Amino acid sequence: MNDYETRRLAKIAQNQALLAELDIKPLVSTTRARRSSKRSDSAHQSAAKKRRVQQPPTAPSRTSARLASAPQKPNYADEPDIKPVALPRSAGKGSKVKEEQEETEPLVPVKDVGEIQAGWGSWEAVAAEPTRDGNAVFHFEDWESFTPNKSPEEMLREGVFGGSYFRPLKSRKLGVVVDGDWKELPESWIKGLNVEKYLTNPEYDADVNKFHRACGQSIEEWEAAGWISHEHDVRGWFQWYCRFFQGRRCEDDERQVSRWRKCVGETGRWKRTLLKQYARAGVRTVEEDDDDEDDEKPGISPVVSQTCLHWAWEVRQDDLDRWYES
């Protein structure tokens, strides 16, 4: 060890002794401090970034005036024309008292319920009965676009709605049980008909239907969906049709006729569906269809046929001819 190295080591030892005497800790180098600071900032930024990603998106503070003022396009697909009824949901176990309250509490004022019930049987015929052309299509003078080819009487006798359309009905909106209104039907319509089987059957019996298939929804489901105009016809479409056929006219006519057109009118979806099935099955005549006693005709759905019958329409020869021509 040379003289310079000896002096350097002695100087270092002297400085360390001085620092220890003064209780001064050595400082971290500037380079190491900067590196440590960068690592700390990077970790903080990463955590903040993760927090920002996890936060739910918020609406912008500024919006385009042009977009805000543009009208929204409504969706009319299968939308009921009557405001839906907010029916109470079923109560769970242990809520028997609440369930009983929901079953008996009407959703409209009691005084209005009495007025509504009184109006069901107070209507008078103001229009003439329809005429029927050579193709057995009915025509109403004041409603040219409404052209059913099955009368209410024919529907009842052939079998519709599982024989349960006029059963005792509990309206959850009105909070009353509707019963016995089948008696307002003309006597000639139900003469010789088994009322308990074809009108007031408490259970839906698919074998009563002409095509022996169940289809459609219950009146309770129609009510929940908002398709019932209680002040006019508490049971819905077919009850409206019975009264309309006899000459009653009311504010609900346009809505019901519109529903009929969408189902089995000239471009109705169920009518077109059934005619397509006839064409695919190669059935060109009504007689050919009637001669086949098997309800399960290849490609022709008895459910669709029953659905069309519920809307007072069945396939006629003129319909088949025009379909094949098109």
Protein backbone atom coordinates (compact mmCIF):
# COMPACT_ATOMS: atom_id res chain seq x y z
CA MET A 1 0.00 0.00 0.00
CA ASN A 2 1.50 3.34 -1.05
CA ASP A 3 1.52 6.55 0.89
CA TYR A 4 -1.49 8.04 -1.00
CA GLU A 5 -3.73 5.08 -0.29
CA THR A 6 -2.78 5.17 3.38
CA ARG A 7 -3.72 8.83 3.69
CA ARG A 8 -7.07 8.22 1.81
CA LEU A 9 -8.16 5.44 4.15
CA ALA A 10 -7.18 7.50 7.17
CA LYS A 11 -9.25 10.40 5.86
CA ILE A 12 -12.31 8.14 5.34
CA ALA A 13 -11.99 6.77 8.86
CA GLN A 14 -11.70 10.28 10.23
CA ASN A 15 -14.85 11.41 8.39
CA GLN A 16 -16.84 8.37 9.55
CA ALA A 17 -15.82 9.06 13.13
CA LEU A 18 -16.92 12.68 12.76
CA LEU A 19 -20.32 11.67 11.32
CA ALA A 20 -20.85 9.21 14.13
CA GLU A 21 -19.99 11.83 16.68
CA LEU A 22 -22.43 14.34 15.15
CA ASP A 23 -25.16 11.63 14.63
CA ILE A 24 -25.50 12.45 10.92
CA LYS A 25 -26.85 9.66 8.63
CA PRO A 26 -25.42 9.33 5.13
CA LEU A 27 -27.59 10.67 2.26
CA VAL A 28 -28.92 8.45 -0.55
CA SER A 29 -27.41 9.24 -3.89
CA THR A 30 -29.39 11.50 -6.22
CA THR A 31 -29.55 8.83 -8.92
CA ARG A 32 -30.98 6.21 -6.57
CA ALA A 33 -33.51 8.73 -5.22
CA ARG A 34 -34.74 9.57 -8.72
CA ARG A 35 -35.13 5.90 -9.62
CA SER A 36 -37.09 5.22 -6.43
CA SER A 37 -39.32 8.25 -7.08
CA LYS A 38 -40.05 7.09 -10.64
CA ARG A 39 -41.02 3.62 -9.42
CA SER A 40 -43.35 5.12 -6.82
CA ASP A 41 -45.00 7.47 -9.34
CA SER A 42 -45.42 4.63 -11.84
CA ALA A 43 -47.11 2.42 -9.26
CA HIS A 44 -49.42 5.27 -8.25
CA GLN A 45 -50.36 6.00 -11.87
CA SER A 46 -51.02 2.30 -12.53
CA ALA A 47 -53.33 2.05 -9.52
CA ALA A 48 -55.16 5.21 -10.55
CA LYS A 49 -55.54 3.87 -14.08
CA LYS A 50 -57.04 0.64 -12.75
CA ARG A 51 -59.48 2.60 -10.65
CA ARG A 52 -60.52 4.66 -13.66
CA VAL A 53 -61.11 1.52 -15.73
CA GLN A 54 -63.32 0.00 -13.06
CA GLN A 55 -65.47 3.08 -12.74
CA PRO A 56 -68.81 2.86 -14.62
CA PRO A 57 -69.20 5.10 -17.67
CA THR A 58 -70.83 8.42 -17.06
CA ALA A 59 -73.03 10.45 -19.36
CA PRO A 60 -71.22 13.21 -21.25
CA SER A 61 -71.55 16.67 -19.76
CA ARG A 62 -72.33 18.11 -23.19
CA THR A 63 -74.65 16.70 -25.83
CA SER A 64 -75.39 17.62 -29.40
CA ALA A 65 -78.39 19.91 -29.67
CA ARG A 66 -79.25 18.37 -33.03
CA LEU A 67 -79.32 14.82 -31.64
CA ALA A 68 -81.15 15.85 -28.49
CA SER A 69 -83.91 17.55 -30.47
CA ALA A 70 -84.36 14.69 -32.93
CA PRO A 71 -87.58 12.71 -32.22
CA GLN A 72 -87.16 9.07 -31.24
CA LYS A 73 -88.73 6.53 -33.57
CA PRO A 74 -91.46 4.55 -31.77
CA ASN A 75 -91.58 0.77 -31.98
CA TYR A 76 -95.06 -0.46 -32.87
CA ALA A 77 -94.19 -4.17 -33.16
CA ASP A 78 -96.92 -6.14 -31.35
CA GLU A 79 -97.56 -3.18 -29.07
CA PRO A 80 -100.94 -3.30 -27.32
CA ASP A 81 -103.20 -0.34 -28.00
CA ILE A 82 -104.43 -0.14 -24.42
CA LYS A 83 -102.13 0.92 -21.59
CA PRO A 84 -100.78 -2.17 -19.79
CA VAL A 85 -102.28 -2.93 -16.39
CA ALA A 86 -99.82 -3.11 -13.50
CA LEU A 87 -101.01 -6.28 -11.79
CA PRO A 88 -99.57 -7.33 -8.40
CA ARG A 89 -97.18 -10.25 -8.42
CA SER A 90 -97.80 -13.47 -6.54
CA ALA A 91 -96.78 -13.32 -2.90
CA GLY A 92 -94.18 -15.73 -1.55
CA LYS A 93 -94.64 -18.27 1.21
CA GLY A 94 -95.64 -16.77 4.52
CA SER A 95 -97.41 -13.83 2.86
CA LYS A 96 -100.95 -15.20 2.86
CA VAL A 97 -102.47 -12.00 4.26
CA LYS A 98 -100.79 -9.87 1.62
CA GLU A 99 -101.85 -12.31 -1.13
CA GLU A 100 -105.49 -12.15 0.00
CA GLN A 101 -105.37 -8.35 -0.05
CA GLU A 102 -103.97 -8.37 -3.59
CA GLU A 103 -106.70 -10.74 -4.77
CA THR A 104 -109.53 -8.58 -3.47
CA GLU A 105 -108.20 -5.08 -4.01
CA PRO A 106 -109.38 -3.55 -7.33
CA LEU A 107 -107.02 -1.38 -9.35
CA VAL A 108 -109.74 1.18 -10.16
CA PRO A 109 -112.04 3.09 -7.76
CA VAL A 110 -115.05 1.07 -6.59
CA LYS A 111 -117.52 3.70 -7.81
CA ASP A 112 -116.07 3.41 -11.31
CA VAL A 113 -116.37 -0.39 -11.20
CA GLY A 114 -120.11 -0.07 -10.65
CA GLU A 115 -120.47 2.28 -13.60
CA ILE A 116 -118.40 -0.03 -15.80
CA GLN A 117 -120.50 -3.07 -14.89
CA ALA A 118 -123.72 -1.17 -15.57
CA GLY A 119 -122.46 -0.24 -19.02
CA TRP A 120 -121.87 -3.83 -20.12
CA GLY A 121 -125.55 -4.57 -20.58
CA SER A 122 -126.88 -1.12 -21.44
CA TRP A 123 -125.86 -0.96 -25.09
CA GLU A 124 -128.36 -0.83 -27.95
CA ALA A 125 -128.00 -1.93 -31.56
CA VAL A 126 -127.45 1.06 -33.85
CA ALA A 127 -126.24 -0.69 -37.01
CA ALA A 128 -127.79 -3.24 -39.32
CA GLU A 129 -126.66 -6.85 -39.26
CA PRO A 130 -124.02 -7.76 -41.84
CA THR A 131 -124.72 -9.23 -45.24
CA ARG A 132 -122.98 -12.33 -46.61
CA ASP A 133 -121.69 -12.76 -50.16
CA GLY A 134 -121.31 -15.88 -52.30
CA ASN A 135 -117.96 -16.71 -50.69
CA ALA A 136 -119.59 -16.64 -47.24
CA VAL A 137 -117.76 -13.42 -46.32
CA PHE A 138 -119.55 -10.97 -44.04
CA HIS A 139 -119.80 -7.28 -44.96
CA PHE A 140 -120.64 -4.44 -42.58
CA GLU A 141 -121.91 -1.22 -44.14
CA ASP A 142 -119.96 1.03 -41.80
CA TRP A 143 -116.76 -1.06 -41.68
CA GLU A 144 -115.76 -2.15 -45.17
CA SER A 145 -112.30 -3.30 -44.10
CA PHE A 146 -113.73 -5.77 -41.58
CA THR A 147 -114.61 -8.93 -43.51
CA PRO A 148 -114.67 -12.07 -41.33
CA ASN A 149 -116.15 -15.25 -42.79
CA LYS A 150 -117.23 -16.96 -39.56
CA SER A 151 -120.14 -15.76 -37.44
CA PRO A 152 -120.01 -15.89 -33.63
CA GLU A 153 -122.61 -18.67 -33.67
CA GLU A 154 -120.55 -20.77 -36.10
CA MET A 155 -117.46 -20.28 -33.99
CA LEU A 156 -119.20 -21.43 -30.81
CA ARG A 157 -120.75 -24.49 -32.44
CA GLU A 158 -117.53 -25.58 -34.14
CA GLY A 159 -115.50 -25.18 -30.94
CA VAL A 160 -113.33 -22.27 -29.83
CA PHE A 161 -111.35 -21.12 -26.77
CA GLY A 162 -111.40 -24.59 -25.26
CA GLY A 163 -115.07 -24.15 -24.33
CA SER A 164 -114.07 -21.86 -21.47
CA TYR A 165 -114.55 -18.36 -22.87
CA PHE A 166 -117.62 -17.55 -20.73
CA ARG A 167 -116.45 -19.30 -17.56
CA PRO A 168 -116.56 -17.30 -14.29
CA LEU A 169 -113.80 -14.72 -14.71
CA LYS A 170 -111.97 -12.89 -11.94
CA SER A 171 -110.86 -9.49 -13.20
CA ARG A 172 -107.83 -8.48 -11.16
CA LYS A 173 -108.07 -4.91 -12.37
CA LEU A 174 -111.72 -4.45 -11.41
CA GLY A 175 -111.60 -6.75 -8.40
CA VAL A 176 -114.86 -8.50 -9.34
CA VAL A 177 -115.93 -11.90 -10.66
CA VAL A 178 -117.73 -11.74 -14.00
CA ASP A 179 -120.23 -14.55 -14.45
CA GLY A 180 -123.41 -15.31 -16.40
CA ASP A 181 -122.80 -12.81 -19.20
CA TRP A 182 -123.14 -15.62 -21.75
CA LYS A 183 -126.89 -15.27 -21.24
CA GLU A 184 -126.92 -12.08 -23.31
CA LEU A 185 -126.10 -14.13 -26.43
CA PRO A 186 -129.06 -14.60 -28.79
CA GLU A 187 -130.93 -17.77 -27.93
CA SER A 188 -130.69 -18.98 -31.52
CA TRP A 189 -126.89 -18.96 -31.32
CA ILE A 190 -126.73 -21.49 -28.50
CA LYS A 191 -129.94 -23.48 -29.02
CA GLY A 192 -129.19 -27.17 -28.48
CA LEU A 193 -125.59 -26.37 -27.51
CA ASN A 194 -124.05 -27.88 -24.39
CA VAL A 195 -123.32 -24.63 -22.53
CA GLU A 196 -121.18 -26.25 -19.86
CA LYS A 197 -118.98 -27.86 -22.50
CA TYR A 198 -118.77 -25.16 -25.18
CA LEU A 199 -119.15 -21.91 -23.21
CA THR A 200 -118.61 -22.10 -19.45
CA ASN A 201 -116.16 -24.97 -19.03
CA PRO A 202 -114.04 -24.04 -15.97
CA GLU A 203 -110.99 -25.66 -17.57
CA TYR A 204 -109.62 -25.15 -21.08
CA ASP A 205 -110.40 -28.32 -23.03
CA ALA A 206 -108.45 -28.55 -26.28
CA ASP A 207 -110.67 -31.41 -27.49
CA VAL A 208 -113.59 -28.97 -27.64
CA ASN A 209 -111.76 -26.90 -30.24
CA LYS A 210 -112.49 -27.69 -33.87
CA PHE A 211 -108.86 -28.60 -34.57
CA HIS A 212 -108.33 -30.22 -31.15
CA ARG A 213 -105.39 -28.01 -30.30
CA ALA A 214 -104.88 -25.41 -27.58
CA CYS A 215 -103.73 -22.01 -28.76
CA GLY A 216 -103.64 -18.39 -27.68
CA GLN A 217 -103.52 -16.84 -24.23
CA SER A 218 -106.05 -16.75 -21.42
CA ILE A 219 -108.27 -13.75 -20.73
CA GLU A 220 -106.26 -13.14 -17.56
CA GLU A 221 -103.10 -12.88 -19.67
CA TRP A 222 -104.85 -10.52 -22.08
CA GLU A 223 -105.81 -8.34 -19.15
CA ALA A 224 -102.27 -8.30 -17.77
CA ALA A 225 -100.93 -7.37 -21.22
CA GLY A 226 -103.35 -4.45 -21.49
CA TRP A 227 -105.45 -5.80 -24.38
CA ILE A 228 -108.75 -5.54 -22.48
CA SER A 229 -110.92 -2.42 -22.61
CA HIS A 230 -112.90 -3.06 -19.43
CA GLU A 231 -115.50 -0.36 -19.97
CA HIS A 232 -116.53 -2.04 -23.23
CA ASP A 233 -115.84 -5.80 -23.17
CA VAL A 234 -114.29 -7.31 -20.06
CA ARG A 235 -113.61 -10.62 -21.84
CA GLY A 236 -111.92 -9.11 -24.87
CA TRP A 237 -112.02 -9.66 -28.61
CA PHE A 238 -114.67 -12.37 -29.06
CA GLN A 239 -117.14 -10.65 -26.73
CA TRP A 240 -116.61 -7.47 -28.71
CA TYR A 241 -117.25 -9.40 -31.94
CA CYS A 242 -120.50 -10.89 -30.61
CA ARG A 243 -121.84 -7.44 -29.75
CA PHE A 244 -120.51 -5.79 -32.90
CA PHE A 245 -122.15 -8.51 -35.02
CA GLN A 246 -125.49 -7.67 -33.37
CA GLY A 247 -125.21 -3.97 -34.17
CA ARG A 248 -123.49 -2.37 -31.21
CA ARG A 249 -120.94 0.34 -31.99
CA CYS A 250 -118.48 1.86 -29.53
CA GLU A 251 -115.19 3.73 -29.21
CA ASP A 252 -113.24 0.45 -29.16
CA ASP A 253 -114.32 -0.65 -32.64
CA GLU A 254 -111.37 0.82 -34.51
CA ARG A 255 -108.83 -0.83 -32.23
CA GLN A 256 -110.49 -4.25 -32.44
CA VAL A 257 -110.89 -4.10 -36.22
CA SER A 258 -107.23 -3.08 -36.49
CA ARG A 259 -106.20 -6.09 -34.41
CA TRP A 260 -108.31 -8.36 -36.63
CA ARG A 261 -106.69 -6.96 -39.81
CA LYS A 262 -103.20 -7.57 -38.42
CA CYS A 263 -104.08 -11.20 -37.69
CA VAL A 264 -106.34 -12.41 -40.50
CA GLY A 265 -107.01 -9.37 -42.68
CA GLU A 266 -105.87 -9.14 -46.30
CA THR A 267 -102.22 -9.04 -45.20
CA GLY A 268 -102.70 -10.50 -41.72
CA ARG A 269 -99.80 -12.59 -40.51
CA TRP A 270 -101.82 -15.66 -39.43
CA LYS A 271 -103.80 -15.69 -42.65
CA ARG A 272 -100.65 -15.47 -44.76
CA THR A 273 -98.93 -18.12 -42.66
CA LEU A 274 -101.79 -20.57 -43.14
CA LEU A 275 -102.09 -19.94 -46.89
CA LYS A 276 -98.34 -20.49 -47.28
CA GLN A 277 -98.71 -23.81 -45.50
CA TYR A 278 -101.54 -24.83 -47.85
CA ALA A 279 -99.40 -23.94 -50.86
CA ARG A 280 -96.37 -25.84 -49.59
CA ALA A 281 -98.56 -28.87 -48.89
CA GLY A 282 -99.93 -28.68 -52.43
CA VAL A 283 -103.55 -28.30 -51.28
CA ARG A 284 -105.40 -26.37 -53.99
CA THR A 285 -109.06 -26.92 -53.10
CA VAL A 286 -111.05 -26.61 -49.90
CA GLU A 287 -112.77 -29.91 -50.72
CA GLU A 288 -109.38 -31.60 -50.83
CA ASP A 289 -108.69 -30.26 -47.37
CA ASP A 290 -112.09 -31.29 -46.00
CA ASP A 291 -111.84 -34.82 -47.42
CA ASP A 292 -108.71 -35.46 -45.40
CA GLU A 293 -109.97 -36.53 -41.99
CA ASP A 294 -106.49 -36.46 -40.48
CA ASP A 295 -105.97 -33.21 -38.58
CA GLU A 296 -102.23 -33.66 -38.88
CA LYS A 297 -102.05 -32.71 -42.55
CA PRO A 298 -98.39 -32.59 -43.60
CA GLY A 299 -97.18 -29.00 -43.38
CA ILE A 300 -100.51 -27.52 -42.24
CA SER A 301 -100.56 -26.56 -38.58
CA PRO A 302 -103.83 -27.23 -36.70
CA VAL A 303 -102.70 -24.63 -34.15
CA VAL A 304 -102.54 -21.91 -36.82
CA SER A 305 -105.89 -23.07 -38.22
CA GLN A 306 -107.45 -22.84 -34.74
CA THR A 307 -105.89 -19.43 -34.20
CA CYS A 308 -107.45 -18.13 -37.41
CA LEU A 309 -110.82 -19.55 -36.35
CA HIS A 310 -110.53 -17.63 -33.07
CA TRP A 311 -110.31 -14.51 -35.23
CA ALA A 312 -113.46 -15.45 -37.18
CA TRP A 313 -111.71 -16.57 -40.35
CA GLU A 314 -111.07 -19.85 -42.15
CA VAL A 315 -109.57 -20.70 -45.53
CA ARG A 316 -112.06 -20.51 -48.42
CA GLN A 317 -111.66 -21.51 -52.05
CA ASP A 318 -111.47 -17.90 -53.18
CA ASP A 319 -108.58 -17.33 -50.78
CA LEU A 320 -106.68 -20.30 -52.18
CA ASP A 321 -107.31 -19.29 -55.79
CA ARG A 322 -106.07 -15.74 -55.24
CA TRP A 323 -103.04 -16.98 -53.33
CA TYR A 324 -101.96 -19.34 -56.11
CA GLU A 325 -102.54 -16.65 -58.72
CA SER A 326 -100.24 -14.28 -56.86
